[in-house]
Amino acid sequence: MKILVADDSKAMRSIVIRTLRQAGYSGHKIIEAADGAEALGIAKSEEPDLIISDWNMPEMNGLDFLIALRAAEFDTPFGFVTTEASPEMRELAEKNGAAFLITKPFTAEDFQRHFDPFLD
C-alpha cells in the first residue's frame, strides 16, 4: 500500500514518516510531496491508498489540494495533520471530503486511530 505525505517542511515530513513507522505502518511505501501542487500530480500518477497533508503550504494549500483531488474524481482517503484545528477548519475539511484532521503534536496512537480503517 502507498501513503502520500504532503508538507512543505522536510523536517515535518520526516516526523510524520517516523511516526507512521512507530504506529506500525513501516511496510507501506511512503511518497513525499513538498506542496499541494506537487502532491496533486503525484496522487494522480501514483494513486496512493491514503493521503496525509498539511493545511498551510505554498503553491497549493492542503484544502485546495483536497478540493482539486475530489474534482478529479479521486476518492482516496485524505486527512490533515496540521497545527490549525479551529471548528471552522474542521468543518471545511469534512465538507470537502477529508476523513480526519489530526492536530500537531501527534502520537503514533493518533495515527493508528485514524489510519487503521483505511490501511487494514
PDB file of N, CA and C in Angstrom:
ATOM      1  N   MET A   1       0.835  -1.183   0.000  1.00  0.00           N
ATOM      2  CA  MET A   1       0.000   0.000   0.000  1.00  0.00           C
ATOM      3  C   MET A   1       0.880   1.245   0.000  1.00  0.00           C
ATOM      4  N   LYS A   2       0.321   2.339  -0.518  1.00  0.00           N
ATOM      5  CA  LYS A   2       1.076   3.591  -0.641  1.00  0.00           C
ATOM      6  C   LYS A   2       0.428   4.682   0.195  1.00  0.00           C
ATOM      7  N   ILE A   3       1.293   5.456   0.862  1.00  0.00           N
ATOM      8  CA  ILE A   3       0.845   6.603   1.647  1.00  0.00           C
ATOM      9  C   ILE A   3       1.574   7.834   1.114  1.00  0.00           C
ATOM     10  N   LEU A   4       0.824   8.860   0.752  1.00  0.00           N
ATOM     11  CA  LEU A   4       1.392  10.127   0.294  1.00  0.00           C
ATOM     12  C   LEU A   4       1.393  11.113   1.455  1.00  0.00           C
ATOM     13  N   VAL A   5       2.565  11.687   1.752  1.00  0.00           N
ATOM     14  CA  VAL A   5       2.719  12.674   2.813  1.00  0.00           C
ATOM     15  C   VAL A   5       3.090  14.006   2.165  1.00  0.00           C
ATOM     16  N   ALA A   6       2.205  14.998   2.301  1.00  0.00           N
ATOM     17  CA  ALA A   6       2.433  16.319   1.707  1.00  0.00           C
ATOM     18  C   ALA A   6       2.614  17.356   2.806  1.00  0.00           C
ATOM     19  N   ASP A   7       3.773  17.979   2.831  1.00  0.00           N
ATOM     20  CA  ASP A   7       4.071  19.049   3.795  1.00  0.00           C
ATOM     21  C   ASP A   7       5.238  19.839   3.233  1.00  0.00           C
ATOM     22  N   ASP A   8       5.179  21.169   3.340  1.00  0.00           N
ATOM     23  CA  ASP A   8       6.260  21.986   2.810  1.00  0.00           C
ATOM     24  C   ASP A   8       7.517  21.925   3.671  1.00  0.00           C
ATOM     25  N   SER A   9       7.420  21.399   4.863  1.00  0.00           N
ATOM     26  CA  SER A   9       8.577  21.268   5.742  1.00  0.00           C
ATOM     27  C   SER A   9       9.152  19.855   5.648  1.00  0.00           C
ATOM     28  N   LYS A  10      10.385  19.759   5.166  1.00  0.00           N
ATOM     29  CA  LYS A  10      11.061  18.459   5.080  1.00  0.00           C
ATOM     30  C   LYS A  10      11.159  17.823   6.468  1.00  0.00           C
ATOM     31  N   ALA A  11      11.441  18.653   7.477  1.00  0.00           N
ATOM     32  CA  ALA A  11      11.545  18.135   8.850  1.00  0.00           C
ATOM     33  C   ALA A  11      10.209  17.543   9.310  1.00  0.00           C
ATOM     34  N   MET A  12       9.099  18.211   8.997  1.00  0.00           N
ATOM     35  CA  MET A  12       7.793  17.691   9.405  1.00  0.00           C
ATOM     36  C   MET A  12       7.448  16.420   8.644  1.00  0.00           C
ATOM     37  N   ARG A  13       7.790  16.353   7.355  1.00  0.00           N
ATOM     38  CA  ARG A  13       7.567  15.100   6.614  1.00  0.00           C
ATOM     39  C   ARG A  13       8.329  13.960   7.271  1.00  0.00           C
ATOM     40  N   SER A  14       9.551  14.230   7.699  1.00  0.00           N
ATOM     41  CA  SER A  14      10.353  13.205   8.374  1.00  0.00           C
ATOM     42  C   SER A  14       9.708  12.760   9.684  1.00  0.00           C
ATOM     43  N   ILE A  15       9.163  13.713  10.433  1.00  0.00           N
ATOM     44  CA  ILE A  15       8.492  13.386  11.697  1.00  0.00           C
ATOM     45  C   ILE A  15       7.237  12.549  11.431  1.00  0.00           C
ATOM     46  N   VAL A  16       6.467  12.922  10.434  1.00  0.00           N
ATOM     47  CA  VAL A  16       5.264  12.157  10.087  1.00  0.00           C
ATOM     48  C   VAL A  16       5.656  10.737   9.681  1.00  0.00           C
ATOM     49  N   ILE A  17       6.677  10.603   8.851  1.00  0.00           N
ATOM     50  CA  ILE A  17       7.115   9.280   8.393  1.00  0.00           C
ATOM     51  C   ILE A  17       7.633   8.444   9.564  1.00  0.00           C
ATOM     52  N   ARG A  18       8.396   9.055  10.459  1.00  0.00           N
ATOM     53  CA  ARG A  18       8.877   8.326  11.636  1.00  0.00           C
ATOM     54  C   ARG A  18       7.697   7.855  12.492  1.00  0.00           C
ATOM     55  N   THR A  19       6.706   8.717  12.663  1.00  0.00           N
ATOM     56  CA  THR A  19       5.535   8.357  13.459  1.00  0.00           C
ATOM     57  C   THR A  19       4.724   7.264  12.765  1.00  0.00           C
ATOM     58  N   LEU A  20       4.652   7.294  11.445  1.00  0.00           N
ATOM     59  CA  LEU A  20       3.993   6.214  10.705  1.00  0.00           C
ATOM     60  C   LEU A  20       4.665   4.881  11.023  1.00  0.00           C
ATOM     61  N   ARG A  21       5.984   4.870  11.019  1.00  0.00           N
ATOM     62  CA  ARG A  21       6.730   3.637  11.333  1.00  0.00           C
ATOM     63  C   ARG A  21       6.469   3.195  12.775  1.00  0.00           C
ATOM     64  N   GLN A  22       6.472   4.151  13.696  1.00  0.00           N
ATOM     65  CA  GLN A  22       6.196   3.828  15.102  1.00  0.00           C
ATOM     66  C   GLN A  22       4.786   3.279  15.281  1.00  0.00           C
ATOM     67  N   ALA A  23       3.872   3.706  14.436  1.00  0.00           N
ATOM     68  CA  ALA A  23       2.484   3.264  14.526  1.00  0.00           C
ATOM     69  C   ALA A  23       2.272   1.907  13.853  1.00  0.00           C
ATOM     70  N   GLY A  24       3.326   1.371  13.249  1.00  0.00           N
ATOM     71  CA  GLY A  24       3.239   0.048  12.653  1.00  0.00           C
ATOM     72  C   GLY A  24       3.020   0.026  11.154  1.00  0.00           C
ATOM     73  N   TYR A  25       3.216   1.154  10.491  1.00  0.00           N
ATOM     74  CA  TYR A  25       2.986   1.225   9.051  1.00  0.00           C
ATOM     75  C   TYR A  25       4.292   1.212   8.252  1.00  0.00           C
ATOM     76  N   SER A  26       5.321   0.575   8.780  1.00  0.00           N
ATOM     77  CA  SER A  26       6.624   0.581   8.120  1.00  0.00           C
ATOM     78  C   SER A  26       6.630  -0.237   6.829  1.00  0.00           C
ATOM     79  N   GLY A  27       5.680  -1.129   6.639  1.00  0.00           N
ATOM     80  CA  GLY A  27       5.642  -1.941   5.434  1.00  0.00           C
ATOM     81  C   GLY A  27       5.040  -1.246   4.233  1.00  0.00           C
ATOM     82  N   HIS A  28       4.524  -0.051   4.427  1.00  0.00           N
ATOM     83  CA  HIS A  28       3.880   0.678   3.334  1.00  0.00           C
ATOM     84  C   HIS A  28       4.883   1.545   2.601  1.00  0.00           C
ATOM     85  N   LYS A  29       4.672   1.752   1.313  1.00  0.00           N
ATOM     86  CA  LYS A  29       5.508   2.658   0.531  1.00  0.00           C
ATOM     87  C   LYS A  29       5.090   4.082   0.868  1.00  0.00           C
ATOM     88  N   ILE A  30       6.064   4.915   1.239  1.00  0.00           N
ATOM     89  CA  ILE A  30       5.801   6.312   1.588  1.00  0.00           C
ATOM     90  C   ILE A  30       6.296   7.196   0.445  1.00  0.00           C
ATOM     91  N   ILE A  31       5.430   8.072  -0.020  1.00  0.00           N
ATOM     92  CA  ILE A  31       5.763   9.014  -1.080  1.00  0.00           C
ATOM     93  C   ILE A  31       5.654  10.409  -0.485  1.00  0.00           C
ATOM     94  N   GLU A  32       6.613  11.285  -0.803  1.00  0.00           N
ATOM     95  CA  GLU A  32       6.629  12.633  -0.238  1.00  0.00           C
ATOM     96  C   GLU A  32       6.365  13.698  -1.303  1.00  0.00           C
ATOM     97  N   ALA A  33       5.705  14.783  -0.869  1.00  0.00           N
ATOM     98  CA  ALA A  33       5.490  15.957  -1.719  1.00  0.00           C
ATOM     99  C   ALA A  33       5.697  17.209  -0.875  1.00  0.00           C
ATOM    100  N   ALA A  34       6.254  18.255  -1.497  1.00  0.00           N
ATOM    101  CA  ALA A  34       6.600  19.479  -0.774  1.00  0.00           C
ATOM    102  C   ALA A  34       5.510  20.542  -0.803  1.00  0.00           C
ATOM    103  N   ASP A  35       4.456  20.339  -1.569  1.00  0.00           N
ATOM    104  CA  ASP A  35       3.329  21.271  -1.582  1.00  0.00           C
ATOM    105  C   ASP A  35       2.137  20.587  -2.236  1.00  0.00           C
ATOM    106  N   GLY A  36       1.008  21.259  -2.209  1.00  0.00           N
ATOM    107  CA  GLY A  36      -0.207  20.662  -2.727  1.00  0.00           C
ATOM    108  C   GLY A  36      -0.181  20.411  -4.221  1.00  0.00           C
ATOM    109  N   ALA A  37       0.442  21.307  -4.985  1.00  0.00           N
ATOM    110  CA  ALA A  37       0.507  21.133  -6.436  1.00  0.00           C
ATOM    111  C   ALA A  37       1.310  19.886  -6.790  1.00  0.00           C
ATOM    112  N   GLU A  38       2.461  19.719  -6.150  1.00  0.00           N
ATOM    113  CA  GLU A  38       3.267  18.522  -6.380  1.00  0.00           C
ATOM    114  C   GLU A  38       2.500  17.273  -5.929  1.00  0.00           C
ATOM    115  N   ALA A  39       1.841  17.373  -4.788  1.00  0.00           N
ATOM    116  CA  ALA A  39       1.092  16.241  -4.253  1.00  0.00           C
ATOM    117  C   ALA A  39      -0.052  15.837  -5.182  1.00  0.00           C
ATOM    118  N   LEU A  40      -0.712  16.810  -5.802  1.00  0.00           N
ATOM    119  CA  LEU A  40      -1.811  16.508  -6.718  1.00  0.00           C
ATOM    120  C   LEU A  40      -1.300  15.696  -7.907  1.00  0.00           C
ATOM    121  N   GLY A  41      -0.186  16.106  -8.463  1.00  0.00           N
ATOM    122  CA  GLY A  41       0.403  15.360  -9.577  1.00  0.00           C
ATOM    123  C   GLY A  41       0.795  13.953  -9.170  1.00  0.00           C
ATOM    124  N   ILE A  42       1.404  13.830  -8.000  1.00  0.00           N
ATOM    125  CA  ILE A  42       1.801  12.509  -7.502  1.00  0.00           C
ATOM    126  C   ILE A  42       0.576  11.646  -7.236  1.00  0.00           C
ATOM    127  N   ALA A  43      -0.459  12.225  -6.646  1.00  0.00           N
ATOM    128  CA  ALA A  43      -1.672  11.461  -6.354  1.00  0.00           C
ATOM    129  C   ALA A  43      -2.286  10.910  -7.634  1.00  0.00           C
ATOM    130  N   LYS A  44      -2.276  11.706  -8.686  1.00  0.00           N
ATOM    131  CA  LYS A  44      -2.856  11.263  -9.958  1.00  0.00           C
ATOM    132  C   LYS A  44      -2.027  10.160 -10.604  1.00  0.00           C
ATOM    133  N   SER A  45      -0.715  10.229 -10.484  1.00  0.00           N
ATOM    134  CA  SER A  45       0.134   9.225 -11.134  1.00  0.00           C
ATOM    135  C   SER A  45       0.358   7.979 -10.272  1.00  0.00           C
ATOM    136  N   GLU A  46       0.478   8.156  -8.973  1.00  0.00           N
ATOM    137  CA  GLU A  46       0.807   7.038  -8.073  1.00  0.00           C
ATOM    138  C   GLU A  46      -0.418   6.358  -7.453  1.00  0.00           C
ATOM    139  N   GLU A  47      -1.553   7.065  -7.423  1.00  0.00           N
ATOM    140  CA  GLU A  47      -2.791   6.564  -6.834  1.00  0.00           C
ATOM    141  C   GLU A  47      -2.566   5.941  -5.444  1.00  0.00           C
ATOM    142  N   PRO A  48      -2.163   6.772  -4.467  1.00  0.00           N
ATOM    143  CA  PRO A  48      -1.911   6.255  -3.118  1.00  0.00           C
ATOM    144  C   PRO A  48      -3.195   5.754  -2.452  1.00  0.00           C
ATOM    145  N   ASP A  49      -3.011   4.941  -1.421  1.00  0.00           N
ATOM    146  CA  ASP A  49      -4.135   4.388  -0.666  1.00  0.00           C
ATOM    147  C   ASP A  49      -4.587   5.320   0.454  1.00  0.00           C
ATOM    148  N   LEU A  50      -3.717   6.259   0.847  1.00  0.00           N
ATOM    149  CA  LEU A  50      -4.011   7.226   1.897  1.00  0.00           C
ATOM    150  C   LEU A  50      -3.186   8.474   1.639  1.00  0.00           C
ATOM    151  N   ILE A  51      -3.784   9.640   1.868  1.00  0.00           N
ATOM    152  CA  ILE A  51      -3.071  10.903   1.722  1.00  0.00           C
ATOM    153  C   ILE A  51      -3.125  11.646   3.041  1.00  0.00           C
ATOM    154  N   ILE A  52      -1.944  12.078   3.499  1.00  0.00           N
ATOM    155  CA  ILE A  52      -1.799  12.870   4.716  1.00  0.00           C
ATOM    156  C   ILE A  52      -1.211  14.213   4.283  1.00  0.00           C
ATOM    157  N   SER A  53      -1.900  15.301   4.598  1.00  0.00           N
ATOM    158  CA  SER A  53      -1.471  16.607   4.105  1.00  0.00           C
ATOM    159  C   SER A  53      -1.471  17.651   5.210  1.00  0.00           C
ATOM    160  N   ASP A  54      -0.508  18.551   5.112  1.00  0.00           N
ATOM    161  CA  ASP A  54      -0.537  19.763   5.919  1.00  0.00           C
ATOM    162  C   ASP A  54      -1.602  20.678   5.323  1.00  0.00           C
ATOM    163  N   TRP A  55      -2.059  21.633   6.098  1.00  0.00           N
ATOM    164  CA  TRP A  55      -3.059  22.584   5.595  1.00  0.00           C
ATOM    165  C   TRP A  55      -2.365  23.740   4.881  1.00  0.00           C
ATOM    166  N   ASN A  56      -1.388  24.369   5.560  1.00  0.00           N
ATOM    167  CA  ASN A  56      -0.717  25.556   5.032  1.00  0.00           C
ATOM    168  C   ASN A  56       0.550  25.174   4.276  1.00  0.00           C
ATOM    169  N   MET A  57       0.499  25.333   2.953  1.00  0.00           N
ATOM    170  CA  MET A  57       1.650  25.047   2.096  1.00  0.00           C
ATOM    171  C   MET A  57       1.657  26.058   0.953  1.00  0.00           C
ATOM    172  N   PRO A  58       2.839  26.332   0.374  1.00  0.00           N
ATOM    173  CA  PRO A  58       2.906  27.230  -0.781  1.00  0.00           C
ATOM    174  C   PRO A  58       2.384  26.529  -2.041  1.00  0.00           C
ATOM    175  N   GLU A  59       2.267  27.285  -3.114  1.00  0.00           N
ATOM    176  CA  GLU A  59       1.810  26.794  -4.414  1.00  0.00           C
ATOM    177  C   GLU A  59       0.347  26.388  -4.391  1.00  0.00           C
ATOM    178  N   MET A  60       0.012  25.427  -3.549  1.00  0.00           N
ATOM    179  CA  MET A  60      -1.379  24.991  -3.390  1.00  0.00           C
ATOM    180  C   MET A  60      -1.509  24.492  -1.961  1.00  0.00           C
ATOM    181  N   ASN A  61      -2.407  25.095  -1.190  1.00  0.00           N
ATOM    182  CA  ASN A  61      -2.544  24.655   0.201  1.00  0.00           C
ATOM    183  C   ASN A  61      -3.282  23.316   0.267  1.00  0.00           C
ATOM    184  N   GLY A  62      -3.328  22.744   1.443  1.00  0.00           N
ATOM    185  CA  GLY A  62      -3.926  21.427   1.612  1.00  0.00           C
ATOM    186  C   GLY A  62      -5.396  21.370   1.259  1.00  0.00           C
ATOM    187  N   LEU A  63      -6.147  22.407   1.613  1.00  0.00           N
ATOM    188  CA  LEU A  63      -7.574  22.409   1.298  1.00  0.00           C
ATOM    189  C   LEU A  63      -7.784  22.475  -0.213  1.00  0.00           C
ATOM    190  N   ASP A  64      -7.031  23.326  -0.904  1.00  0.00           N
ATOM    191  CA  ASP A  64      -7.148  23.407  -2.359  1.00  0.00           C
ATOM    192  C   ASP A  64      -6.725  22.093  -3.012  1.00  0.00           C
ATOM    193  N   PHE A  65      -5.722  21.433  -2.450  1.00  0.00           N
ATOM    194  CA  PHE A  65      -5.291  20.116  -2.925  1.00  0.00           C
ATOM    195  C   PHE A  65      -6.441  19.121  -2.798  1.00  0.00           C
ATOM    196  N   LEU A  66      -7.081  19.092  -1.654  1.00  0.00           N
ATOM    197  CA  LEU A  66      -8.214  18.193  -1.428  1.00  0.00           C
ATOM    198  C   LEU A  66      -9.345  18.486  -2.413  1.00  0.00           C
ATOM    199  N   ILE A  67      -9.676  19.754  -2.585  1.00  0.00           N
ATOM    200  CA  ILE A  67     -10.756  20.142  -3.496  1.00  0.00           C
ATOM    201  C   ILE A  67     -10.425  19.720  -4.935  1.00  0.00           C
ATOM    202  N   ALA A  68      -9.181  19.944  -5.362  1.00  0.00           N
ATOM    203  CA  ALA A  68      -8.761  19.564  -6.718  1.00  0.00           C
ATOM    204  C   ALA A  68      -8.783  18.046  -6.894  1.00  0.00           C
ATOM    205  N   LEU A  69      -8.384  17.331  -5.879  1.00  0.00           N
ATOM    206  CA  LEU A  69      -8.384  15.871  -5.932  1.00  0.00           C
ATOM    207  C   LEU A  69      -9.809  15.339  -6.076  1.00  0.00           C
ATOM    208  N   ARG A  70     -10.726  15.881  -5.290  1.00  0.00           N
ATOM    209  CA  ARG A  70     -12.122  15.455  -5.375  1.00  0.00           C
ATOM    210  C   ARG A  70     -12.747  15.863  -6.714  1.00  0.00           C
ATOM    211  N   ALA A  71     -12.368  17.040  -7.234  1.00  0.00           N
ATOM    212  CA  ALA A  71     -12.880  17.482  -8.537  1.00  0.00           C
ATOM    213  C   ALA A  71     -12.405  16.557  -9.656  1.00  0.00           C
ATOM    214  N   ALA A  72     -11.234  15.950  -9.466  1.00  0.00           N
ATOM    215  CA  ALA A  72     -10.700  14.996 -10.441  1.00  0.00           C
ATOM    216  C   ALA A  72     -11.271  13.594 -10.213  1.00  0.00           C
ATOM    217  N   GLU A  73     -12.244  13.500  -9.319  1.00  0.00           N
ATOM    218  CA  GLU A  73     -12.966  12.265  -9.016  1.00  0.00           C
ATOM    219  C   GLU A  73     -12.119  11.183  -8.361  1.00  0.00           C
ATOM    220  N   PHE A  74     -11.130  11.613  -7.567  1.00  0.00           N
ATOM    221  CA  PHE A  74     -10.366  10.682  -6.748  1.00  0.00           C
ATOM    222  C   PHE A  74     -11.028  10.628  -5.378  1.00  0.00           C
ATOM    223  N   ASP A  75     -11.315   9.425  -4.901  1.00  0.00           N
ATOM    224  CA  ASP A  75     -11.944   9.279  -3.588  1.00  0.00           C
ATOM    225  C   ASP A  75     -10.976   8.709  -2.554  1.00  0.00           C
ATOM    226  N   THR A  76      -9.682   8.871  -2.805  1.00  0.00           N
ATOM    227  CA  THR A  76      -8.645   8.403  -1.893  1.00  0.00           C
ATOM    228  C   THR A  76      -8.880   8.966  -0.495  1.00  0.00           C
ATOM    229  N   PRO A  77      -8.812   8.132   0.549  1.00  0.00           N
ATOM    230  CA  PRO A  77      -8.914   8.671   1.915  1.00  0.00           C
ATOM    231  C   PRO A  77      -7.853   9.764   2.120  1.00  0.00           C
ATOM    232  N   PHE A  78      -8.291  10.901   2.620  1.00  0.00           N
ATOM    233  CA  PHE A  78      -7.460  12.099   2.719  1.00  0.00           C
ATOM    234  C   PHE A  78      -7.684  12.709   4.092  1.00  0.00           C
ATOM    235  N   GLY A  79      -6.593  13.096   4.732  1.00  0.00           N
ATOM    236  CA  GLY A  79      -6.725  13.777   6.007  1.00  0.00           C
ATOM    237  C   GLY A  79      -5.614  14.772   6.225  1.00  0.00           C
ATOM    238  N   PHE A  80      -5.845  15.635   7.192  1.00  0.00           N
ATOM    239  CA  PHE A  80      -4.890  16.684   7.511  1.00  0.00           C
ATOM    240  C   PHE A  80      -4.145  16.369   8.801  1.00  0.00           C
ATOM    241  N   VAL A  81      -2.860  16.706   8.808  1.00  0.00           N
ATOM    242  CA  VAL A  81      -2.051  16.753  10.017  1.00  0.00           C
ATOM    243  C   VAL A  81      -1.536  18.181  10.054  1.00  0.00           C
ATOM    244  N   THR A  82      -2.070  18.975  10.980  1.00  0.00           N
ATOM    245  CA  THR A  82      -1.826  20.417  10.940  1.00  0.00           C
ATOM    246  C   THR A  82      -1.841  21.018  12.343  1.00  0.00           C
ATOM    247  N   THR A  83      -1.266  22.184  12.472  1.00  0.00           N
ATOM    248  CA  THR A  83      -1.290  22.883  13.763  1.00  0.00           C
ATOM    249  C   THR A  83      -2.610  23.598  13.966  1.00  0.00           C
ATOM    250  N   GLU A  84      -3.314  23.835  12.890  1.00  0.00           N
ATOM    251  CA  GLU A  84      -4.552  24.598  12.969  1.00  0.00           C
ATOM    252  C   GLU A  84      -5.752  23.659  12.956  1.00  0.00           C
ATOM    253  N   ALA A  85      -6.611  23.804  13.936  1.00  0.00           N
ATOM    254  CA  ALA A  85      -7.761  22.898  14.022  1.00  0.00           C
ATOM    255  C   ALA A  85      -8.973  23.604  14.611  1.00  0.00           C
ATOM    256  N   SER A  86      -9.239  24.793  14.126  1.00  0.00           N
ATOM    257  CA  SER A  86     -10.416  25.505  14.607  1.00  0.00           C
ATOM    258  C   SER A  86     -11.668  24.736  14.174  1.00  0.00           C
ATOM    259  N   PRO A  87     -12.779  24.967  14.841  1.00  0.00           N
ATOM    260  CA  PRO A  87     -14.026  24.314  14.413  1.00  0.00           C
ATOM    261  C   PRO A  87     -14.370  24.625  12.946  1.00  0.00           C
ATOM    262  N   GLU A  88     -14.061  25.844  12.503  1.00  0.00           N
ATOM    263  CA  GLU A  88     -14.330  26.216  11.120  1.00  0.00           C
ATOM    264  C   GLU A  88     -13.471  25.399  10.143  1.00  0.00           C
ATOM    265  N   MET A  89     -12.193  25.204  10.504  1.00  0.00           N
ATOM    266  CA  MET A  89     -11.307  24.415   9.650  1.00  0.00           C
ATOM    267  C   MET A  89     -11.757  22.957   9.605  1.00  0.00           C
ATOM    268  N   ARG A  90     -12.141  22.427  10.758  1.00  0.00           N
ATOM    269  CA  ARG A  90     -12.624  21.045  10.790  1.00  0.00           C
ATOM    270  C   ARG A  90     -13.865  20.892   9.907  1.00  0.00           C
ATOM    271  N   GLU A  91     -14.753  21.867   9.972  1.00  0.00           N
ATOM    272  CA  GLU A  91     -15.971  21.828   9.168  1.00  0.00           C
ATOM    273  C   GLU A  91     -15.641  21.904   7.677  1.00  0.00           C
ATOM    274  N   LEU A  92     -14.722  22.801   7.304  1.00  0.00           N
ATOM    275  CA  LEU A  92     -14.303  22.917   5.905  1.00  0.00           C
ATOM    276  C   LEU A  92     -13.676  21.620   5.409  1.00  0.00           C
ATOM    277  N   ALA A  93     -12.820  21.036   6.230  1.00  0.00           N
ATOM    278  CA  ALA A  93     -12.160  19.787   5.857  1.00  0.00           C
ATOM    279  C   ALA A  93     -13.197  18.693   5.612  1.00  0.00           C
ATOM    280  N   GLU A  94     -14.106  18.539   6.551  1.00  0.00           N
ATOM    281  CA  GLU A  94     -15.126  17.497   6.441  1.00  0.00           C
ATOM    282  C   GLU A  94     -16.050  17.740   5.248  1.00  0.00           C
ATOM    283  N   LYS A  95     -16.468  18.987   5.078  1.00  0.00           N
ATOM    284  CA  LYS A  95     -17.378  19.347   3.978  1.00  0.00           C
ATOM    285  C   LYS A  95     -16.766  19.034   2.614  1.00  0.00           C
ATOM    286  N   ASN A  96     -15.441  19.136   2.516  1.00  0.00           N
ATOM    287  CA  ASN A  96     -14.755  18.908   1.249  1.00  0.00           C
ATOM    288  C   ASN A  96     -14.216  17.493   1.086  1.00  0.00           C
ATOM    289  N   GLY A  97     -14.550  16.620   2.027  1.00  0.00           N
ATOM    290  CA  GLY A  97     -14.218  15.212   1.845  1.00  0.00           C
ATOM    291  C   GLY A  97     -13.051  14.677   2.634  1.00  0.00           C
ATOM    292  N   ALA A  98     -12.560  15.425   3.612  1.00  0.00           N
ATOM    293  CA  ALA A  98     -11.474  14.898   4.445  1.00  0.00           C
ATOM    294  C   ALA A  98     -12.024  13.857   5.412  1.00  0.00           C
ATOM    295  N   ALA A  99     -11.250  12.810   5.619  1.00  0.00           N
ATOM    296  CA  ALA A  99     -11.651  11.730   6.521  1.00  0.00           C
ATOM    297  C   ALA A  99     -11.260  12.017   7.967  1.00  0.00           C
ATOM    298  N   PHE A 100     -10.244  12.877   8.164  1.00  0.00           N
ATOM    299  CA  PHE A 100      -9.771  13.175   9.515  1.00  0.00           C
ATOM    300  C   PHE A 100      -8.965  14.465   9.517  1.00  0.00           C
ATOM    301  N   LEU A 101      -8.785  15.020  10.693  1.00  0.00           N
ATOM    302  CA  LEU A 101      -7.909  16.161  10.914  1.00  0.00           C
ATOM    303  C   LEU A 101      -7.213  15.901  12.248  1.00  0.00           C
ATOM    304  N   ILE A 102      -5.910  15.687  12.189  1.00  0.00           N
ATOM    305  CA  ILE A 102      -5.093  15.414  13.370  1.00  0.00           C
ATOM    306  C   ILE A 102      -4.274  16.665  13.668  1.00  0.00           C
ATOM    307  N   THR A 103      -4.294  17.104  14.915  1.00  0.00           N
ATOM    308  CA  THR A 103      -3.524  18.296  15.273  1.00  0.00           C
ATOM    309  C   THR A 103      -2.126  17.918  15.743  1.00  0.00           C
ATOM    310  N   LYS A 104      -1.189  18.812  15.439  1.00  0.00           N
ATOM    311  CA  LYS A 104       0.186  18.684  15.921  1.00  0.00           C
ATOM    312  C   LYS A 104       0.234  19.264  17.324  1.00  0.00           C
ATOM    313  N   PRO A 105       0.976  18.701  18.235  1.00  0.00           N
ATOM    314  CA  PRO A 105       1.748  17.468  18.119  1.00  0.00           C
ATOM    315  C   PRO A 105       0.836  16.246  18.133  1.00  0.00           C
ATOM    316  N   PHE A 106       1.309  15.157  17.555  1.00  0.00           N
ATOM    317  CA  PHE A 106       0.525  13.943  17.423  1.00  0.00           C
ATOM    318  C   PHE A 106       1.340  12.756  17.922  1.00  0.00           C
ATOM    319  N   THR A 107       0.676  11.640  18.099  1.00  0.00           N
ATOM    320  CA  THR A 107       1.332  10.422  18.576  1.00  0.00           C
ATOM    321  C   THR A 107       1.072   9.290  17.582  1.00  0.00           C
ATOM    322  N   ALA A 108       1.807   8.211  17.754  1.00  0.00           N
ATOM    323  CA  ALA A 108       1.581   7.018  16.947  1.00  0.00           C
ATOM    324  C   ALA A 108       0.157   6.507  17.151  1.00  0.00           C
ATOM    325  N   GLU A 109      -0.341   6.631  18.362  1.00  0.00           N
ATOM    326  CA  GLU A 109      -1.708   6.181  18.650  1.00  0.00           C
ATOM    327  C   GLU A 109      -2.741   7.017  17.894  1.00  0.00           C
ATOM    328  N   ASP A 110      -2.489   8.325  17.761  1.00  0.00           N
ATOM    329  CA  ASP A 110      -3.380   9.175  16.965  1.00  0.00           C
ATOM    330  C   ASP A 110      -3.445   8.650  15.526  1.00  0.00           C
ATOM    331  N   PHE A 111      -2.285   8.313  14.973  1.00  0.00           N
ATOM    332  CA  PHE A 111      -2.236   7.798  13.607  1.00  0.00           C
ATOM    333  C   PHE A 111      -2.994   6.482  13.507  1.00  0.00           C
ATOM    334  N   GLN A 112      -2.755   5.574  14.434  1.00  0.00           N
ATOM    335  CA  GLN A 112      -3.440   4.280  14.397  1.00  0.00           C
ATOM    336  C   GLN A 112      -4.958   4.459  14.439  1.00  0.00           C
ATOM    337  N   ARG A 113      -5.418   5.297  15.316  1.00  0.00           N
ATOM    338  CA  ARG A 113      -6.857   5.519  15.473  1.00  0.00           C
ATOM    339  C   ARG A 113      -7.496   6.022  14.166  1.00  0.00           C
ATOM    340  N   HIS A 114      -6.792   6.904  13.467  1.00  0.00           N
ATOM    341  CA  HIS A 114      -7.358   7.490  12.254  1.00  0.00           C
ATOM    342  C   HIS A 114      -7.050   6.696  10.987  1.00  0.00           C
ATOM    343  N   PHE A 115      -5.910   5.987  10.944  1.00  0.00           N
ATOM    344  CA  PHE A 115      -5.483   5.331   9.717  1.00  0.00           C
ATOM    345  C   PHE A 115      -5.898   3.877   9.603  1.00  0.00           C
ATOM    346  N   ASP A 116      -6.049   3.180  10.736  1.00  0.00           N
ATOM    347  CA  ASP A 116      -6.371   1.752  10.698  1.00  0.00           C
ATOM    348  C   ASP A 116      -7.581   1.423   9.814  1.00  0.00           C
ATOM    349  N   PRO A 117      -8.633   2.227   9.845  1.00  0.00           N
ATOM    350  CA  PRO A 117      -9.775   1.884   8.983  1.00  0.00           C
ATOM    351  C   PRO A 117      -9.425   1.859   7.488  1.00  0.00           C
ATOM    352  N   PHE A 118      -8.369   2.569   7.082  1.00  0.00           N
ATOM    353  CA  PHE A 118      -8.012   2.669   5.679  1.00  0.00           C
ATOM    354  C   PHE A 118      -6.858   1.771   5.277  1.00  0.00           C
ATOM    355  N   LEU A 119      -6.060   1.324   6.245  1.00  0.00           N
ATOM    356  CA  LEU A 119      -4.830   0.585   5.923  1.00  0.00           C
ATOM    357  C   LEU A 119      -4.823  -0.831   6.497  1.00  0.00           C
ATOM    358  N   ASP A 120      -5.960  -1.477   6.522  1.00  0.00           N
ATOM    359  CA  ASP A 120      -6.013  -2.846   7.014  1.00  0.00           C
ATOM    360  C   ASP A 120      -5.272  -3.801   6.125  1.00  0.00           C
TER     361      ASP A 120
END
